[in-house]
Amino acid sequence: MGVIRSCWLLVGESFNKAKMKKAKELILLGLVVLATTAAAAAEPTLHDVQKILASKKFVDLTHSFEPGIPRWPGFPDEKRETAYWYEKGKGSLGTGFFTEIFTLVGQWGTHVDPPAHFIKGLRTVDQIGLKEMILPLVVIDVHGEAEKNPDYTLTMERIKKWETANGRVPAGAFVAMRTDWSKRWPDAAAMENKDSAGVSHYPGWSMPALKYLYEECKITASGHETTDTDPGVATSKEDYSLETYILKTDHYQIELLTNLDQVPESGALIIATFPKPKGGSGFPARVFAICPP
């Protein structure tokens, strides 16, 4: 109010001097200052935001990794070596503290696939922007369909059903497909679900669904509980066209998510984080959701 009162005093002086144009400018300036001050006062600080988030429900969407876990069949198993141990006799390099040497492929456990994983010249892990790591989370629950049909692929009808209940898939979202396939972890044979002919049967995405989500809804990233974007019947024929599509459009994905059954279909945030290897092809990720309590 002090700003407005000062403006009116100046306006009065301006009127006495017949400077109408200057008076209008001063009134406008005072209102802008007042509005800016009020807006700044209303916006919560980042500390306030942290307190709000800390009061919510946190859900870990990441598997713990170790040697022997389910993986793409062309990848070698993880190897670990204890380099240093507290006492003598166990560390290969010395004693006094605990340090391990990990040898594993980038696509290990719950992991990130950057565009360069499939497409030469596109972004590597270290080039994924920080703002792409905290996103609105959309969970499309098809675990009932996958239970009845392990070859299920996400349909446009199911996405439209989600939108009928929750509104349009928001731009910039992370869309996760819940199949409950992660409940088979860490049984690699159950995850692959091969028949007598050696063909895998596990659910996947579909091209119409992915094109709608990425091209029309403008989502940022997607993820799933299986080892692959493409369904098992396709990967058994070396068909990875769906994963190629996502990465070719310069988006990243997260594979081998878990605990999606503990997250609402709408209203949560996802935090997808991972180390920053220079020029990296992929890396184990730590992914979690922040949900309404």
Protein backbone atom coordinates (compact mmCIF):
# COMPACT_ATOMS: atom_id res chain seq x y z
CA MET A 1 0.00 0.00 0.00
CA GLY A 2 2.96 2.33 0.67
CA VAL A 3 4.00 1.96 -2.96
CA ILE A 4 0.54 2.94 -4.22
CA ARG A 5 0.33 5.93 -1.76
CA SER A 6 3.69 7.20 -2.97
CA CYS A 7 2.57 6.84 -6.54
CA TRP A 8 -0.59 8.86 -5.89
CA LEU A 9 1.47 11.68 -4.30
CA LEU A 10 3.63 11.81 -7.37
CA VAL A 11 0.56 11.63 -9.57
CA GLY A 12 -0.93 14.64 -7.77
CA GLU A 13 2.21 16.62 -8.40
CA SER A 14 2.14 15.51 -12.01
CA PHE A 15 -1.48 16.62 -12.42
CA ASN A 16 -0.53 20.05 -11.04
CA LYS A 17 2.02 20.25 -13.80
CA ALA A 18 -0.45 18.80 -16.34
CA LYS A 19 1.80 15.85 -17.04
CA MET A 20 -0.87 13.23 -17.62
CA LYS A 21 1.40 10.84 -19.48
CA LYS A 22 3.94 10.74 -16.68
CA ALA A 23 1.18 10.16 -14.12
CA LYS A 24 -0.08 7.09 -15.94
CA GLU A 25 3.44 5.71 -16.17
CA LEU A 26 3.94 6.14 -12.42
CA ILE A 27 0.66 4.40 -11.60
CA LEU A 28 1.59 1.47 -13.83
CA LEU A 29 5.04 1.23 -12.30
CA GLY A 30 3.61 1.15 -8.78
CA LEU A 31 1.14 -1.60 -9.65
CA VAL A 32 3.85 -3.69 -11.31
CA VAL A 33 6.11 -3.38 -8.26
CA LEU A 34 3.24 -4.31 -5.96
CA ALA A 35 2.26 -7.32 -8.04
CA THR A 36 5.85 -8.55 -8.27
CA THR A 37 6.35 -8.20 -4.51
CA ALA A 38 3.11 -10.07 -3.76
CA ALA A 39 4.01 -12.88 -6.17
CA ALA A 40 7.46 -13.29 -4.62
CA ALA A 41 5.99 -13.42 -1.14
CA ALA A 42 3.46 -16.09 -2.15
CA GLU A 43 6.02 -18.45 -3.74
CA PRO A 44 7.37 -21.05 -1.29
CA THR A 45 11.11 -21.25 -0.81
CA LEU A 46 13.01 -24.35 -1.87
CA HIS A 47 13.33 -25.25 1.82
CA ASP A 48 9.54 -25.12 2.05
CA VAL A 49 9.30 -27.36 -1.01
CA GLN A 50 11.71 -29.86 0.56
CA LYS A 51 9.60 -30.00 3.72
CA ILE A 52 6.48 -30.62 1.65
CA LEU A 53 8.15 -33.41 -0.32
CA ALA A 54 9.58 -35.00 2.84
CA SER A 55 6.05 -35.41 4.16
CA LYS A 56 5.02 -37.51 1.17
CA LYS A 57 5.36 -41.24 0.47
CA PHE A 58 8.64 -42.35 -1.14
CA VAL A 59 8.73 -45.54 -3.21
CA ASP A 60 11.97 -47.12 -4.43
CA LEU A 61 11.53 -48.24 -8.06
CA THR A 62 15.01 -49.81 -8.23
CA HIS A 63 16.20 -53.40 -7.91
CA SER A 64 19.37 -54.03 -5.90
CA PHE A 65 21.94 -55.50 -8.26
CA GLU A 66 24.45 -58.30 -7.73
CA PRO A 67 26.01 -61.13 -9.73
CA GLY A 68 23.47 -63.52 -11.21
CA ILE A 69 20.53 -61.14 -11.66
CA PRO A 70 18.28 -61.25 -14.76
CA ARG A 71 19.83 -59.55 -17.79
CA TRP A 72 19.78 -59.43 -21.55
CA PRO A 73 21.14 -62.84 -22.64
CA GLY A 74 24.03 -61.35 -24.60
CA PHE A 75 25.57 -59.68 -21.54
CA PRO A 76 28.19 -61.25 -19.23
CA ASP A 77 27.54 -61.58 -15.52
CA GLU A 78 28.76 -59.04 -12.99
CA LYS A 79 32.09 -59.61 -11.26
CA ARG A 80 33.10 -58.17 -7.88
CA GLU A 81 36.45 -58.10 -6.16
CA THR A 82 37.19 -56.89 -2.63
CA ALA A 83 40.15 -54.59 -3.14
CA TYR A 84 40.50 -53.44 0.48
CA TRP A 85 39.09 -54.95 3.68
CA TYR A 86 39.10 -53.87 7.30
CA GLU A 87 41.41 -56.69 8.38
CA LYS A 88 44.13 -58.66 6.61
CA GLY A 89 43.40 -61.70 4.50
CA LYS A 90 40.48 -60.60 2.27
CA GLY A 91 41.43 -57.45 0.36
CA SER A 92 43.44 -58.03 -2.81
CA LEU A 93 45.11 -54.61 -2.55
CA GLY A 94 45.25 -53.86 1.16
CA THR A 95 43.52 -53.27 4.50
CA GLY A 96 42.02 -50.56 6.66
CA PHE A 97 38.72 -49.89 4.89
CA PHE A 98 36.18 -51.51 2.56
CA THR A 99 36.43 -50.93 -1.22
CA GLU A 100 35.21 -53.11 -4.07
CA ILE A 101 35.97 -53.32 -7.79
CA PHE A 102 32.85 -53.76 -9.91
CA THR A 103 32.97 -55.14 -13.44
CA LEU A 104 29.61 -54.96 -15.22
CA VAL A 105 27.94 -53.79 -18.41
CA GLY A 106 26.22 -50.41 -18.45
CA GLN A 107 22.79 -51.99 -18.93
CA TRP A 108 22.82 -53.75 -15.56
CA GLY A 109 19.93 -54.09 -13.13
CA THR A 110 17.54 -51.15 -13.13
CA HIS A 111 19.34 -48.97 -15.66
CA VAL A 112 19.18 -46.02 -18.02
CA ASP A 113 19.40 -46.38 -21.79
CA PRO A 114 20.52 -43.09 -23.35
CA PRO A 115 19.89 -42.46 -27.07
CA ALA A 116 23.51 -43.39 -27.92
CA HIS A 117 22.86 -46.94 -26.67
CA PHE A 118 21.35 -47.67 -30.08
CA ILE A 119 21.97 -44.58 -32.21
CA LYS A 120 25.51 -43.44 -33.03
CA GLY A 121 26.02 -39.72 -32.55
CA LEU A 122 23.09 -39.10 -30.23
CA ARG A 123 23.29 -38.27 -26.52
CA THR A 124 25.29 -40.38 -24.10
CA VAL A 125 24.51 -40.80 -20.38
CA ASP A 126 26.47 -37.72 -19.33
CA GLN A 127 24.51 -35.54 -21.79
CA ILE A 128 21.06 -36.20 -20.32
CA GLY A 129 19.90 -32.94 -18.75
CA LEU A 130 19.20 -32.61 -15.04
CA LYS A 131 15.68 -31.32 -15.65
CA GLU A 132 14.91 -34.61 -17.44
CA MET A 133 15.52 -36.48 -14.18
CA ILE A 134 12.58 -35.13 -12.15
CA LEU A 135 9.27 -35.54 -13.95
CA PRO A 136 5.54 -36.07 -13.47
CA LEU A 137 4.94 -39.82 -13.28
CA VAL A 138 2.22 -41.55 -15.27
CA VAL A 139 1.66 -45.24 -14.48
CA ILE A 140 -0.42 -47.24 -16.93
CA ASP A 141 -1.53 -50.37 -15.10
CA VAL A 142 -1.84 -53.38 -17.40
CA HIS A 143 -0.79 -56.07 -14.93
CA GLY A 144 -4.17 -57.82 -15.30
CA GLU A 145 -3.79 -57.99 -19.06
CA ALA A 146 -0.18 -59.22 -18.78
CA GLU A 147 -1.22 -61.90 -16.32
CA LYS A 148 -3.77 -63.25 -18.79
CA ASN A 149 -1.57 -62.80 -21.84
CA PRO A 150 2.23 -62.65 -21.35
CA ASP A 151 2.59 -61.43 -24.95
CA TYR A 152 0.45 -58.36 -24.21
CA THR A 153 1.49 -55.05 -25.81
CA LEU A 154 0.21 -51.66 -24.67
CA THR A 155 -2.77 -50.49 -26.73
CA MET A 156 -4.10 -47.05 -27.57
CA GLU A 157 -7.38 -48.14 -26.03
CA ARG A 158 -5.66 -48.62 -22.66
CA ILE A 159 -3.97 -45.22 -22.87
CA LYS A 160 -7.30 -43.56 -23.67
CA LYS A 161 -8.83 -45.35 -20.70
CA TRP A 162 -6.11 -43.84 -18.49
CA GLU A 163 -6.81 -40.39 -19.95
CA THR A 164 -10.55 -40.75 -19.36
CA ALA A 165 -9.85 -41.31 -15.68
CA ASN A 166 -6.95 -38.89 -15.21
CA GLY A 167 -6.92 -36.34 -18.03
CA ARG A 168 -4.52 -36.09 -20.94
CA VAL A 169 -1.03 -37.50 -20.42
CA PRO A 170 0.94 -34.38 -19.42
CA ALA A 171 3.72 -33.04 -21.60
CA GLY A 172 7.14 -33.75 -20.14
CA ALA A 173 5.93 -36.79 -18.19
CA PHE A 174 7.67 -40.08 -17.52
CA VAL A 175 5.31 -42.89 -18.52
CA ALA A 176 5.81 -46.26 -16.83
CA MET A 177 4.02 -49.42 -17.91
CA ARG A 178 3.07 -51.53 -14.91
CA THR A 179 2.94 -55.24 -15.70
CA ASP A 180 4.04 -56.65 -12.32
CA TRP A 181 6.69 -58.59 -14.25
CA SER A 182 9.17 -57.39 -11.62
CA LYS A 183 7.56 -59.80 -9.14
CA ARG A 184 9.41 -62.56 -11.01
CA TRP A 185 12.74 -61.01 -10.00
CA PRO A 186 15.39 -62.34 -9.46
CA ASP A 187 14.40 -65.54 -11.31
CA ALA A 188 15.97 -65.05 -14.75
CA ALA A 189 14.11 -68.00 -16.28
CA ALA A 190 10.77 -66.65 -15.04
CA MET A 191 11.61 -63.21 -16.44
CA GLU A 192 12.47 -64.64 -19.88
CA ASN A 193 9.48 -67.04 -19.77
CA LYS A 194 10.66 -69.18 -22.70
CA ASP A 195 8.54 -71.87 -24.31
CA SER A 196 9.78 -75.25 -25.53
CA ALA A 197 10.94 -73.66 -28.78
CA GLY A 198 13.08 -71.11 -26.93
CA VAL A 199 10.78 -68.16 -27.65
CA SER A 200 10.41 -65.65 -24.82
CA HIS A 201 6.98 -64.50 -23.72
CA TYR A 202 6.87 -61.21 -21.80
CA PRO A 203 4.88 -58.00 -22.34
CA GLY A 204 6.04 -54.89 -24.17
CA TRP A 205 5.06 -51.59 -25.70
CA SER A 206 3.53 -51.04 -29.15
CA MET A 207 4.49 -48.58 -31.87
CA PRO A 208 1.11 -46.77 -31.95
CA ALA A 209 1.25 -46.26 -28.17
CA LEU A 210 4.83 -44.98 -28.23
CA LYS A 211 4.21 -42.63 -31.15
CA TYR A 212 1.16 -41.17 -29.43
CA LEU A 213 3.02 -40.66 -26.15
CA TYR A 214 6.21 -39.21 -27.62
CA GLU A 215 4.93 -37.33 -30.67
CA GLU A 216 1.50 -36.12 -29.56
CA CYS A 217 1.73 -35.99 -25.76
CA LYS A 218 5.39 -34.92 -25.88
CA ILE A 219 6.51 -37.07 -22.95
CA THR A 220 10.15 -36.94 -21.87
CA ALA A 221 10.90 -40.59 -21.07
CA SER A 222 9.37 -44.00 -20.42
CA GLY A 223 10.14 -47.17 -18.51
CA HIS A 224 9.05 -50.73 -17.84
CA GLU A 225 9.63 -53.76 -15.62
CA THR A 226 10.94 -56.18 -18.25
CA THR A 227 14.44 -56.45 -19.71
CA ASP A 228 13.28 -54.98 -23.03
CA THR A 229 11.01 -52.36 -24.56
CA ASP A 230 9.87 -54.84 -27.20
CA PRO A 231 7.80 -57.90 -26.24
CA GLY A 232 9.55 -61.24 -25.85
CA VAL A 233 8.17 -62.71 -29.06
CA ALA A 234 9.83 -59.84 -30.94
CA THR A 235 13.19 -59.88 -29.15
CA SER A 236 13.38 -63.63 -29.73
CA LYS A 237 13.59 -62.71 -33.43
CA GLU A 238 16.16 -59.97 -32.74
CA ASP A 239 13.48 -57.32 -33.32
CA TYR A 240 14.19 -54.24 -31.20
CA SER A 241 12.29 -51.74 -33.33
CA LEU A 242 10.38 -50.22 -30.40
CA GLU A 243 13.49 -49.49 -28.35
CA THR A 244 15.14 -48.16 -31.50
CA TYR A 245 12.20 -45.78 -32.00
CA ILE A 246 12.46 -44.30 -28.49
CA LEU A 247 16.22 -43.83 -28.58
CA LYS A 248 16.22 -42.56 -32.16
CA THR A 249 13.92 -39.71 -31.11
CA ASP A 250 16.65 -38.65 -28.63
CA HIS A 251 14.79 -39.73 -25.49
CA TYR A 252 16.03 -42.00 -22.72
CA GLN A 253 14.31 -44.94 -21.06
CA ILE A 254 14.61 -46.88 -17.80
CA GLU A 255 14.44 -50.67 -17.85
CA LEU A 256 13.79 -53.20 -15.07
CA LEU A 257 11.72 -50.95 -12.82
CA THR A 258 10.04 -52.41 -9.74
CA ASN A 259 7.36 -51.56 -7.15
CA LEU A 260 5.08 -49.83 -9.64
CA ASP A 261 2.20 -51.51 -7.81
CA GLN A 262 2.91 -49.12 -4.90
CA VAL A 263 2.55 -45.97 -7.00
CA PRO A 264 -0.69 -44.25 -8.08
CA GLU A 265 -1.57 -44.02 -11.76
CA SER A 266 -1.43 -40.22 -11.53
CA GLY A 267 -0.22 -37.53 -9.16
CA ALA A 268 3.31 -38.74 -8.32
CA LEU A 269 6.77 -37.52 -9.29
CA ILE A 270 9.63 -39.71 -10.49
CA ILE A 271 13.30 -39.05 -9.81
CA ALA A 272 15.56 -40.94 -12.22
CA THR A 273 19.24 -40.53 -11.32
CA PHE A 274 22.42 -42.22 -12.45
CA PRO A 275 26.21 -41.64 -12.49
CA LYS A 276 27.87 -39.54 -15.19
CA PRO A 277 30.41 -41.63 -17.12
CA LYS A 278 31.91 -39.55 -19.91
CA GLY A 279 30.47 -40.77 -23.21
CA GLY A 280 28.67 -43.59 -21.37
CA SER A 281 26.41 -46.09 -23.16
CA GLY A 282 24.23 -46.70 -20.09
CA PHE A 283 24.52 -47.25 -16.35
CA PRO A 284 22.69 -48.70 -13.36
CA ALA A 285 20.16 -46.12 -12.15
CA ARG A 286 18.56 -45.21 -8.82
CA VAL A 287 14.94 -44.42 -9.49
CA PHE A 288 12.23 -43.52 -6.98
CA ALA A 289 8.78 -42.00 -6.83
CA ILE A 290 7.39 -39.32 -4.54
CA CYS A 291 3.68 -39.97 -4.04
CA PRO A 292 0.74 -38.39 -2.26
CA PRO A 293 0.57 -39.83 1.30
